[in-house]
Full PDB file with SEQRES, HELIX, SHEET, SSBOND, CRYST1, ORIGX, SCALE, CONECT and MASTER records, all heavy atoms in Angstrom:
SEQRES   1 A   38  GLY LYS THR ILE GLY VAL ASN ASN ALA ILE MET PHE PHE          
SEQRES   2 A   38  ALA GLN ASP ARG GLU LEU LEU ASP ASP ALA TYR ALA GLY          
SEQRES   3 A   38  ASP ILE ILE GLY ILE PRO ASN HIS GLY THR ILE ARG              
SHEET    1 AA1 2 ILE A  10  PHE A  13  0                                        
SHEET    2 AA1 2 ASP A  16  LEU A  19 -1                                        
CRYST1    1.000    1.000    1.000  90.00  90.00  90.00 P 1           1          
ORIGX1      1.000000  0.000000  0.000000        0.00000                         
ORIGX2      0.000000  1.000000  0.000000        0.00000                         
ORIGX3      0.000000  0.000000  1.000000        0.00000                         
SCALE1      1.000000  0.000000  0.000000        0.00000                         
SCALE2      0.000000  1.000000  0.000000        0.00000                         
SCALE3      0.000000  0.000000  1.000000        0.00000                         
ATOM      1  N   GLY A   1     -14.550  10.444  16.184  1.00  0.00           N  
ATOM      2  CA  GLY A   1     -14.453  10.196  17.626  1.00  0.00           C  
ATOM      3  C   GLY A   1     -14.786   8.761  18.003  1.00  0.00           C  
ATOM      4  O   GLY A   1     -14.715   8.387  19.169  1.00  0.00           O  
ATOM      5  N   LYS A   2     -15.134   7.929  17.005  1.00  0.00           N  
ATOM      6  CA  LYS A   2     -15.462   6.532  17.282  1.00  0.00           C  
ATOM      7  C   LYS A   2     -14.198   5.725  17.564  1.00  0.00           C  
ATOM      8  O   LYS A   2     -13.113   6.057  17.081  1.00  0.00           O  
ATOM      9  CB  LYS A   2     -16.180   5.903  16.083  1.00  0.00           C  
ATOM     10  CG  LYS A   2     -17.558   6.461  15.803  1.00  0.00           C  
ATOM     11  CD  LYS A   2     -18.153   5.777  14.580  1.00  0.00           C  
ATOM     12  CE  LYS A   2     -19.541   6.345  14.258  1.00  0.00           C  
ATOM     13  NZ  LYS A   2     -20.081   5.757  13.014  1.00  0.00           N  
ATOM     14  N   THR A   3     -14.361   4.657  18.327  1.00  0.00           N  
ATOM     15  CA  THR A   3     -13.271   3.712  18.552  1.00  0.00           C  
ATOM     16  C   THR A   3     -13.624   2.410  17.843  1.00  0.00           C  
ATOM     17  O   THR A   3     -14.733   1.896  17.984  1.00  0.00           O  
ATOM     18  CB  THR A   3     -13.067   3.461  20.056  1.00  0.00           C  
ATOM     19  OG1 THR A   3     -12.733   4.699  20.682  1.00  0.00           O  
ATOM     20  CG2 THR A   3     -11.932   2.468  20.288  1.00  0.00           C  
ATOM     21  N   ILE A   4     -12.665   1.892  17.059  1.00  0.00           N  
ATOM     22  CA  ILE A   4     -12.921   0.656  16.309  1.00  0.00           C  
ATOM     23  C   ILE A   4     -11.890  -0.407  16.677  1.00  0.00           C  
ATOM     24  O   ILE A   4     -10.752  -0.096  17.028  1.00  0.00           O  
ATOM     25  CB  ILE A   4     -12.893   0.891  14.780  1.00  0.00           C  
ATOM     26  CG1 ILE A   4     -11.520   1.439  14.345  1.00  0.00           C  
ATOM     27  CG2 ILE A   4     -14.008   1.819  14.353  1.00  0.00           C  
ATOM     28  CD1 ILE A   4     -11.308   1.408  12.856  1.00  0.00           C  
ATOM     29  N   GLY A   5     -12.292  -1.655  16.597  1.00  0.00           N  
ATOM     30  CA  GLY A   5     -11.361  -2.766  16.764  1.00  0.00           C  
ATOM     31  C   GLY A   5     -10.829  -3.169  15.397  1.00  0.00           C  
ATOM     32  O   GLY A   5     -11.614  -3.468  14.497  1.00  0.00           O  
ATOM     33  N   VAL A   6      -9.506  -3.122  15.239  1.00  0.00           N  
ATOM     34  CA  VAL A   6      -8.900  -3.449  13.941  1.00  0.00           C  
ATOM     35  C   VAL A   6      -8.470  -4.912  13.971  1.00  0.00           C  
ATOM     36  O   VAL A   6      -7.368  -5.250  14.407  1.00  0.00           O  
ATOM     37  CB  VAL A   6      -7.704  -2.515  13.640  1.00  0.00           C  
ATOM     38  CG1 VAL A   6      -7.169  -2.791  12.239  1.00  0.00           C  
ATOM     39  CG2 VAL A   6      -8.117  -1.058  13.778  1.00  0.00           C  
ATOM     40  N   ASN A   7      -9.356  -5.783  13.510  1.00  0.00           N  
ATOM     41  CA  ASN A   7      -9.132  -7.231  13.615  1.00  0.00           C  
ATOM     42  C   ASN A   7      -8.616  -7.868  12.334  1.00  0.00           C  
ATOM     43  O   ASN A   7      -8.157  -9.010  12.358  1.00  0.00           O  
ATOM     44  CB  ASN A   7     -10.438  -7.927  14.019  1.00  0.00           C  
ATOM     45  CG  ASN A   7     -10.951  -7.434  15.365  1.00  0.00           C  
ATOM     46  OD1 ASN A   7     -10.219  -7.439  16.344  1.00  0.00           O  
ATOM     47  ND2 ASN A   7     -12.198  -6.982  15.393  1.00  0.00           N  
ATOM     48  N   ASN A   8      -8.724  -7.159  11.223  1.00  0.00           N  
ATOM     49  CA  ASN A   8      -8.369  -7.784   9.943  1.00  0.00           C  
ATOM     50  C   ASN A   8      -7.499  -6.872   9.084  1.00  0.00           C  
ATOM     51  O   ASN A   8      -7.693  -6.754   7.876  1.00  0.00           O  
ATOM     52  CB  ASN A   8      -9.631  -8.187   9.172  1.00  0.00           C  
ATOM     53  CG  ASN A   8     -10.608  -7.024   9.043  1.00  0.00           C  
ATOM     54  OD1 ASN A   8     -10.401  -5.947   9.623  1.00  0.00           O  
ATOM     55  ND2 ASN A   8     -11.666  -7.231   8.280  1.00  0.00           N  
ATOM     56  N   ALA A   9      -6.534  -6.172   9.715  1.00  0.00           N  
ATOM     57  CA  ALA A   9      -5.621  -5.317   8.958  1.00  0.00           C  
ATOM     58  C   ALA A   9      -4.769  -6.173   8.032  1.00  0.00           C  
ATOM     59  O   ALA A   9      -4.453  -7.319   8.332  1.00  0.00           O  
ATOM     60  CB  ALA A   9      -4.727  -4.525   9.913  1.00  0.00           C  
ATOM     61  N   ILE A  10      -4.403  -5.593   6.885  1.00  0.00           N  
ATOM     62  CA  ILE A  10      -3.667  -6.359   5.878  1.00  0.00           C  
ATOM     63  C   ILE A  10      -2.435  -5.599   5.409  1.00  0.00           C  
ATOM     64  O   ILE A  10      -2.337  -4.383   5.570  1.00  0.00           O  
ATOM     65  CB  ILE A  10      -4.559  -6.681   4.656  1.00  0.00           C  
ATOM     66  CG1 ILE A  10      -5.227  -5.406   4.141  1.00  0.00           C  
ATOM     67  CG2 ILE A  10      -5.576  -7.741   4.968  1.00  0.00           C  
ATOM     68  CD1 ILE A  10      -6.132  -5.603   2.951  1.00  0.00           C  
ATOM     69  N   MET A  11      -1.488  -6.348   4.860  1.00  0.00           N  
ATOM     70  CA  MET A  11      -0.352  -5.771   4.158  1.00  0.00           C  
ATOM     71  C   MET A  11      -0.424  -6.205   2.703  1.00  0.00           C  
ATOM     72  O   MET A  11      -1.035  -7.226   2.378  1.00  0.00           O  
ATOM     73  CB  MET A  11       0.970  -6.213   4.784  1.00  0.00           C  
ATOM     74  CG  MET A  11       1.437  -5.294   5.901  1.00  0.00           C  
ATOM     75  SD  MET A  11       3.166  -5.547   6.296  1.00  0.00           S  
ATOM     76  CE  MET A  11       3.390  -4.256   7.528  1.00  0.00           C  
ATOM     77  N   PHE A  12       0.230  -5.432   1.821  1.00  0.00           N  
ATOM     78  CA  PHE A  12       0.105  -5.664   0.387  1.00  0.00           C  
ATOM     79  C   PHE A  12       1.431  -6.135  -0.200  1.00  0.00           C  
ATOM     80  O   PHE A  12       2.474  -5.527   0.029  1.00  0.00           O  
ATOM     81  CB  PHE A  12      -0.330  -4.379  -0.320  1.00  0.00           C  
ATOM     82  CG  PHE A  12      -1.664  -3.882   0.148  1.00  0.00           C  
ATOM     83  CD1 PHE A  12      -1.763  -3.052   1.255  1.00  0.00           C  
ATOM     84  CD2 PHE A  12      -2.827  -4.254  -0.501  1.00  0.00           C  
ATOM     85  CE1 PHE A  12      -2.990  -2.604   1.705  1.00  0.00           C  
ATOM     86  CE2 PHE A  12      -4.062  -3.811  -0.049  1.00  0.00           C  
ATOM     87  CZ  PHE A  12      -4.150  -2.989   1.049  1.00  0.00           C  
ATOM     88  N   PHE A  13       1.374  -7.225  -0.962  1.00  0.00           N  
ATOM     89  CA  PHE A  13       2.527  -7.726  -1.686  1.00  0.00           C  
ATOM     90  C   PHE A  13       2.126  -7.757  -3.156  1.00  0.00           C  
ATOM     91  O   PHE A  13       1.495  -8.711  -3.609  1.00  0.00           O  
ATOM     92  CB  PHE A  13       2.921  -9.117  -1.190  1.00  0.00           C  
ATOM     93  CG  PHE A  13       3.247  -9.128   0.273  1.00  0.00           C  
ATOM     94  CD1 PHE A  13       2.257  -9.351   1.220  1.00  0.00           C  
ATOM     95  CD2 PHE A  13       4.538  -8.870   0.714  1.00  0.00           C  
ATOM     96  CE1 PHE A  13       2.543  -9.342   2.573  1.00  0.00           C  
ATOM     97  CE2 PHE A  13       4.833  -8.855   2.066  1.00  0.00           C  
ATOM     98  CZ  PHE A  13       3.842  -9.094   2.997  1.00  0.00           C  
ATOM     99  N   ALA A  14       2.455  -6.654  -3.874  1.00  0.00           N  
ATOM    100  CA  ALA A  14       1.905  -6.431  -5.210  1.00  0.00           C  
ATOM    101  C   ALA A  14       0.379  -6.489  -5.088  1.00  0.00           C  
ATOM    102  O   ALA A  14      -0.173  -5.813  -4.243  1.00  0.00           O  
ATOM    103  CB  ALA A  14       2.461  -7.426  -6.205  1.00  0.00           C  
ATOM    104  N   GLN A  15      -0.318  -7.342  -5.871  1.00  0.00           N  
ATOM    105  CA  GLN A  15      -1.782  -7.379  -5.759  1.00  0.00           C  
ATOM    106  C   GLN A  15      -2.243  -8.293  -4.632  1.00  0.00           C  
ATOM    107  O   GLN A  15      -3.413  -8.306  -4.283  1.00  0.00           O  
ATOM    108  CB  GLN A  15      -2.383  -7.878  -7.074  1.00  0.00           C  
ATOM    109  CG  GLN A  15      -3.071  -6.766  -7.856  1.00  0.00           C  
ATOM    110  CD  GLN A  15      -3.643  -7.291  -9.141  1.00  0.00           C  
ATOM    111  OE1 GLN A  15      -3.096  -8.207  -9.750  1.00  0.00           O  
ATOM    112  NE2 GLN A  15      -4.735  -6.729  -9.582  1.00  0.00           N  
ATOM    113  N   ASP A  16      -1.351  -9.081  -4.087  1.00  0.00           N  
ATOM    114  CA  ASP A  16      -1.723 -10.036  -3.052  1.00  0.00           C  
ATOM    115  C   ASP A  16      -1.802  -9.346  -1.694  1.00  0.00           C  
ATOM    116  O   ASP A  16      -1.115  -8.367  -1.445  1.00  0.00           O  
ATOM    117  CB  ASP A  16      -0.695 -11.174  -2.997  1.00  0.00           C  
ATOM    118  CG  ASP A  16      -0.602 -11.904  -4.335  1.00  0.00           C  
ATOM    119  OD1 ASP A  16      -1.648 -12.074  -4.983  1.00  0.00           O  
ATOM    120  OD2 ASP A  16       0.520 -12.272  -4.719  1.00  0.00           O  
ATOM    121  N   ARG A  17      -2.644  -9.906  -0.820  1.00  0.00           N  
ATOM    122  CA  ARG A  17      -2.804  -9.350   0.518  1.00  0.00           C  
ATOM    123  C   ARG A  17      -2.526 -10.446   1.542  1.00  0.00           C  
ATOM    124  O   ARG A  17      -2.795 -11.605   1.283  1.00  0.00           O  
ATOM    125  CB  ARG A  17      -4.226  -8.847   0.743  1.00  0.00           C  
ATOM    126  CG  ARG A  17      -4.787  -7.983  -0.350  1.00  0.00           C  
ATOM    127  CD  ARG A  17      -6.272  -7.772  -0.094  1.00  0.00           C  
ATOM    128  NE  ARG A  17      -6.890  -6.964  -1.128  1.00  0.00           N  
ATOM    129  CZ  ARG A  17      -8.138  -6.558  -1.077  1.00  0.00           C  
ATOM    130  NH1 ARG A  17      -8.899  -6.896  -0.060  1.00  0.00           N  
ATOM    131  NH2 ARG A  17      -8.647  -5.815  -2.028  1.00  0.00           N  
ATOM    132  N   GLU A  18      -2.032 -10.027   2.676  1.00  0.00           N  
ATOM    133  CA  GLU A  18      -1.843 -10.968   3.772  1.00  0.00           C  
ATOM    134  C   GLU A  18      -2.346 -10.343   5.058  1.00  0.00           C  
ATOM    135  O   GLU A  18      -2.081  -9.170   5.325  1.00  0.00           O  
ATOM    136  CB  GLU A  18      -0.361 -11.336   3.937  1.00  0.00           C  
ATOM    137  CG  GLU A  18       0.126 -12.385   2.968  1.00  0.00           C  
ATOM    138  CD  GLU A  18       1.537 -12.870   3.291  1.00  0.00           C  
ATOM    139  OE1 GLU A  18       2.011 -12.605   4.424  1.00  0.00           O  
ATOM    140  OE2 GLU A  18       2.157 -13.485   2.415  1.00  0.00           O  
ATOM    141  N   LEU A  19      -3.075 -11.122   5.838  1.00  0.00           N  
ATOM    142  CA  LEU A  19      -3.518 -10.660   7.147  1.00  0.00           C  
ATOM    143  C   LEU A  19      -2.286 -10.512   8.031  1.00  0.00           C  
ATOM    144  O   LEU A  19      -1.416 -11.373   8.031  1.00  0.00           O  
ATOM    145  CB  LEU A  19      -4.464 -11.699   7.739  1.00  0.00           C  
ATOM    146  CG  LEU A  19      -5.526 -11.199   8.728  1.00  0.00           C  
ATOM    147  CD1 LEU A  19      -6.450 -10.200   8.084  1.00  0.00           C  
ATOM    148  CD2 LEU A  19      -6.321 -12.393   9.247  1.00  0.00           C  
ATOM    149  N   LEU A  20      -2.188  -9.397   8.749  1.00  0.00           N  
ATOM    150  CA  LEU A  20      -0.982  -9.200   9.563  1.00  0.00           C  
ATOM    151  C   LEU A  20      -1.307  -9.312  11.047  1.00  0.00           C  
ATOM    152  O   LEU A  20      -2.416  -9.023  11.489  1.00  0.00           O  
ATOM    153  CB  LEU A  20      -0.323  -7.856   9.249  1.00  0.00           C  
ATOM    154  CG  LEU A  20      -1.085  -6.556   9.543  1.00  0.00           C  
ATOM    155  CD1 LEU A  20      -0.849  -6.080  10.962  1.00  0.00           C  
ATOM    156  CD2 LEU A  20      -0.676  -5.467   8.580  1.00  0.00           C  
ATOM    157  N   ASP A  21      -0.306  -9.735  11.799  1.00  0.00           N  
ATOM    158  CA  ASP A  21      -0.444  -9.835  13.257  1.00  0.00           C  
ATOM    159  C   ASP A  21       0.099  -8.594  13.943  1.00  0.00           C  
ATOM    160  O   ASP A  21      -0.419  -8.160  14.968  1.00  0.00           O  
ATOM    161  CB  ASP A  21       0.296 -11.075  13.784  1.00  0.00           C  
ATOM    162  CG  ASP A  21      -0.391 -12.369  13.347  1.00  0.00           C  
ATOM    163  OD1 ASP A  21      -1.625 -12.417  13.430  1.00  0.00           O  
ATOM    164  OD2 ASP A  21       0.308 -13.295  12.913  1.00  0.00           O  
ATOM    165  N   ASP A  22       1.174  -8.029  13.395  1.00  0.00           N  
ATOM    166  CA  ASP A  22       1.728  -6.804  13.981  1.00  0.00           C  
ATOM    167  C   ASP A  22       2.423  -5.978  12.906  1.00  0.00           C  
ATOM    168  O   ASP A  22       2.762  -6.473  11.836  1.00  0.00           O  
ATOM    169  CB  ASP A  22       2.696  -7.126  15.139  1.00  0.00           C  
ATOM    170  CG  ASP A  22       3.720  -8.174  14.775  1.00  0.00           C  
ATOM    171  OD1 ASP A  22       4.299  -8.075  13.675  1.00  0.00           O  
ATOM    172  OD2 ASP A  22       3.938  -9.108  15.575  1.00  0.00           O  
ATOM    173  N   ALA A  23       2.596  -4.709  13.189  1.00  0.00           N  
ATOM    174  CA  ALA A  23       3.270  -3.776  12.289  1.00  0.00           C  
ATOM    175  C   ALA A  23       3.858  -2.654  13.131  1.00  0.00           C  
ATOM    176  O   ALA A  23       3.441  -2.431  14.278  1.00  0.00           O  
ATOM    177  CB  ALA A  23       2.295  -3.225  11.252  1.00  0.00           C  
ATOM    178  N   TYR A  24       4.823  -1.954  12.547  1.00  0.00           N  
ATOM    179  CA  TYR A  24       5.572  -0.953  13.311  1.00  0.00           C  
ATOM    180  C   TYR A  24       5.544   0.401  12.601  1.00  0.00           C  
ATOM    181  O   TYR A  24       5.131   0.513  11.448  1.00  0.00           O  
ATOM    182  CB  TYR A  24       7.026  -1.413  13.481  1.00  0.00           C  
ATOM    183  CG  TYR A  24       7.172  -2.693  14.270  1.00  0.00           C  
ATOM    184  CD1 TYR A  24       7.031  -3.936  13.648  1.00  0.00           C  
ATOM    185  CD2 TYR A  24       7.423  -2.675  15.633  1.00  0.00           C  
ATOM    186  CE1 TYR A  24       7.153  -5.116  14.361  1.00  0.00           C  
ATOM    187  CE2 TYR A  24       7.546  -3.852  16.364  1.00  0.00           C  
ATOM    188  CZ  TYR A  24       7.408  -5.067  15.723  1.00  0.00           C  
ATOM    189  OH  TYR A  24       7.525  -6.231  16.437  1.00  0.00           O  
ATOM    190  N   ALA A  25       6.016   1.424  13.314  1.00  0.00           N  
ATOM    191  CA  ALA A  25       6.110   2.766  12.735  1.00  0.00           C  
ATOM    192  C   ALA A  25       6.850   2.690  11.401  1.00  0.00           C  
ATOM    193  O   ALA A  25       7.895   2.051  11.292  1.00  0.00           O  
ATOM    194  CB  ALA A  25       6.840   3.696  13.699  1.00  0.00           C  
ATOM    195  N   GLY A  26       6.307   3.334  10.394  1.00  0.00           N  
ATOM    196  CA  GLY A  26       6.871   3.286   9.052  1.00  0.00           C  
ATOM    197  C   GLY A  26       6.110   2.349   8.142  1.00  0.00           C  
ATOM    198  O   GLY A  26       6.113   2.520   6.923  1.00  0.00           O  
ATOM    199  N   ASP A  27       5.434   1.344   8.699  1.00  0.00           N  
ATOM    200  CA  ASP A  27       4.675   0.396   7.876  1.00  0.00           C  
ATOM    201  C   ASP A  27       3.387   1.031   7.367  1.00  0.00           C  
ATOM    202  O   ASP A  27       2.815   1.930   8.009  1.00  0.00           O  
ATOM    203  CB  ASP A  27       4.336  -0.865   8.674  1.00  0.00           C  
ATOM    204  CG  ASP A  27       5.541  -1.792   8.856  1.00  0.00           C  
ATOM    205  OD1 ASP A  27       6.475  -1.694   8.042  1.00  0.00           O  
ATOM    206  OD2 ASP A  27       5.541  -2.598   9.798  1.00  0.00           O  
ATOM    207  N   ILE A  28       2.933   0.544   6.224  1.00  0.00           N  
ATOM    208  CA  ILE A  28       1.638   0.952   5.658  1.00  0.00           C  
ATOM    209  C   ILE A  28       0.707  -0.250   5.770  1.00  0.00           C  
ATOM    210  O   ILE A  28       1.010  -1.318   5.239  1.00  0.00           O  
ATOM    211  CB  ILE A  28       1.767   1.351   4.174  1.00  0.00           C  
ATOM    212  CG1 ILE A  28       2.911   2.342   3.946  1.00  0.00           C  
ATOM    213  CG2 ILE A  28       0.432   1.893   3.667  1.00  0.00           C  
ATOM    214  CD1 ILE A  28       2.723   3.688   4.583  1.00  0.00           C  
ATOM    215  N   ILE A  29      -0.399  -0.073   6.463  1.00  0.00           N  
ATOM    216  CA  ILE A  29      -1.347  -1.184   6.600  1.00  0.00           C  
ATOM    217  C   ILE A  29      -2.688  -0.793   5.982  1.00  0.00           C  
ATOM    218  O   ILE A  29      -3.029   0.391   5.898  1.00  0.00           O  
ATOM    219  CB  ILE A  29      -1.535  -1.614   8.075  1.00  0.00           C  
ATOM    220  CG1 ILE A  29      -2.230  -0.513   8.890  1.00  0.00           C  
ATOM    221  CG2 ILE A  29      -0.198  -1.984   8.699  1.00  0.00           C  
ATOM    222  CD1 ILE A  29      -2.603  -0.963  10.311  1.00  0.00           C  
ATOM    223  N   GLY A  30      -3.404  -1.809   5.519  1.00  0.00           N  
ATOM    224  CA  GLY A  30      -4.737  -1.581   4.970  1.00  0.00           C  
ATOM    225  C   GLY A  30      -5.787  -1.998   5.981  1.00  0.00           C  
ATOM    226  O   GLY A  30      -5.705  -3.085   6.554  1.00  0.00           O  
ATOM    227  N   ILE A  31      -6.753  -1.124   6.215  1.00  0.00           N  
ATOM    228  CA  ILE A  31      -7.816  -1.421   7.173  1.00  0.00           C  
ATOM    229  C   ILE A  31      -9.150  -1.495   6.423  1.00  0.00           C  
ATOM    230  O   ILE A  31      -9.679  -0.472   5.978  1.00  0.00           O  
ATOM    231  CB  ILE A  31      -7.900  -0.344   8.281  1.00  0.00           C  
ATOM    232  CG1 ILE A  31      -6.542  -0.202   8.990  1.00  0.00           C  
ATOM    233  CG2 ILE A  31      -8.997  -0.683   9.280  1.00  0.00           C  
ATOM    234  CD1 ILE A  31      -6.506   0.913  10.021  1.00  0.00           C  
ATOM    235  N   PRO A  32      -9.708  -2.699   6.242  1.00  0.00           N  
ATOM    236  CA  PRO A  32     -11.023  -2.814   5.600  1.00  0.00           C  
ATOM    237  C   PRO A  32     -12.087  -2.140   6.467  1.00  0.00           C  
ATOM    238  O   PRO A  32     -12.071  -2.267   7.702  1.00  0.00           O  
ATOM    239  CB  PRO A  32     -11.261  -4.329   5.536  1.00  0.00           C  
ATOM    240  CG  PRO A  32      -9.903  -4.945   5.691  1.00  0.00           C  
ATOM    241  CD  PRO A  32      -9.144  -4.010   6.587  1.00  0.00           C  
ATOM    242  N   ASN A  33     -12.987  -1.401   5.841  1.00  0.00           N  
ATOM    243  CA  ASN A  33     -14.040  -0.714   6.604  1.00  0.00           C  
ATOM    244  C   ASN A  33     -15.199  -0.414   5.669  1.00  0.00           C  
ATOM    245  O   ASN A  33     -15.110  -0.609   4.466  1.00  0.00           O  
ATOM    246  CB  ASN A  33     -13.498   0.554   7.262  1.00  0.00           C  
ATOM    247  CG  ASN A  33     -13.154   1.631   6.248  1.00  0.00           C  
ATOM    248  OD1 ASN A  33     -13.911   2.561   6.035  1.00  0.00           O  
ATOM    249  ND2 ASN A  33     -12.001   1.498   5.576  1.00  0.00           N  
ATOM    250  N   HIS A  34     -16.278   0.094   6.239  1.00  0.00           N  
ATOM    251  CA  HIS A  34     -17.484   0.381   5.446  1.00  0.00           C  
ATOM    252  C   HIS A  34     -17.769   1.876   5.417  1.00  0.00           C  
ATOM    253  O   HIS A  34     -18.901   2.304   5.617  1.00  0.00           O  
ATOM    254  CB  HIS A  34     -18.684  -0.380   6.002  1.00  0.00           C  
ATOM    255  CG  HIS A  34     -18.517  -1.866   5.949  1.00  0.00           C  
ATOM    256  ND1 HIS A  34     -18.556  -2.571   4.765  1.00  0.00           N  
ATOM    257  CD2 HIS A  34     -18.271  -2.788   6.914  1.00  0.00           C  
ATOM    258  CE1 HIS A  34     -18.358  -3.849   4.995  1.00  0.00           C  
ATOM    259  NE2 HIS A  34     -18.182  -4.019   6.295  1.00  0.00           N  
ATOM    260  N   GLY A  35     -16.738   2.661   5.178  1.00  0.00           N  
ATOM    261  CA  GLY A  35     -16.929   4.111   5.063  1.00  0.00           C  
ATOM    262  C   GLY A  35     -16.745   4.866   6.359  1.00  0.00           C  
ATOM    263  O   GLY A  35     -17.004   6.067   6.412  1.00  0.00           O  
ATOM    264  N   THR A  36     -16.301   4.178   7.413  1.00  0.00           N  
ATOM    265  CA  THR A  36     -16.114   4.871   8.702  1.00  0.00           C  
ATOM    266  C   THR A  36     -14.779   5.608   8.752  1.00  0.00           C  
ATOM    267  O   THR A  36     -14.610   6.520   9.551  1.00  0.00           O  
ATOM    268  CB  THR A  36     -16.164   3.865   9.871  1.00  0.00           C  
ATOM    269  OG1 THR A  36     -15.258   2.794   9.599  1.00  0.00           O  
ATOM    270  CG2 THR A  36     -17.561   3.293  10.042  1.00  0.00           C  
ATOM    271  N   ILE A  37     -13.816   5.223   7.900  1.00  0.00           N  
ATOM    272  CA  ILE A  37     -12.495   5.854   7.912  1.00  0.00           C  
ATOM    273  C   ILE A  37     -12.306   6.627   6.617  1.00  0.00           C  
ATOM    274  O   ILE A  37     -12.570   6.116   5.534  1.00  0.00           O  
ATOM    275  CB  ILE A  37     -11.377   4.795   8.066  1.00  0.00           C  
ATOM    276  CG1 ILE A  37     -11.628   3.928   9.296  1.00  0.00           C  
ATOM    277  CG2 ILE A  37     -10.017   5.460   8.177  1.00  0.00           C  
ATOM    278  CD1 ILE A  37     -10.634   2.786   9.467  1.00  0.00           C  
ATOM    279  N   ARG A  38     -11.823   7.862   6.753  1.00  0.00           N  
ATOM    280  CA  ARG A  38     -11.684   8.744   5.593  1.00  0.00           C  
ATOM    281  C   ARG A  38     -10.259   9.245   5.459  1.00  0.00           C  
ATOM    282  O   ARG A  38      -9.482   9.205   6.403  1.00  0.00           O  
ATOM    283  CB  ARG A  38     -12.627   9.949   5.749  1.00  0.00           C  
ATOM    284  CG  ARG A  38     -14.068   9.586   5.941  1.00  0.00           C  
ATOM    285  CD  ARG A  38     -14.856  10.576   6.802  1.00  0.00           C  
ATOM    286  NE  ARG A  38     -14.344  11.902   6.826  1.00  0.00           N  
ATOM    287  CZ  ARG A  38     -14.962  12.959   6.258  1.00  0.00           C  
ATOM    288  NH1 ARG A  38     -16.097  12.780   5.624  1.00  0.00           N  
ATOM    289  NH2 ARG A  38     -14.447  14.150   6.326  1.00  0.00           N  
TER     290      ARG A  38                                                      
MASTER        0    0    0    0    2    0    0    6  289    1    0    3          
END                                                                             
């Protein structure tokens, strides 16, 4: 029920990561967190 600000979502290019500005339905994004998301 918590609300979080997603400020550093990333996309994956093989092992490399890039910070993303926007993404759309169908995209897979990575959200760094400290165990709050399961």
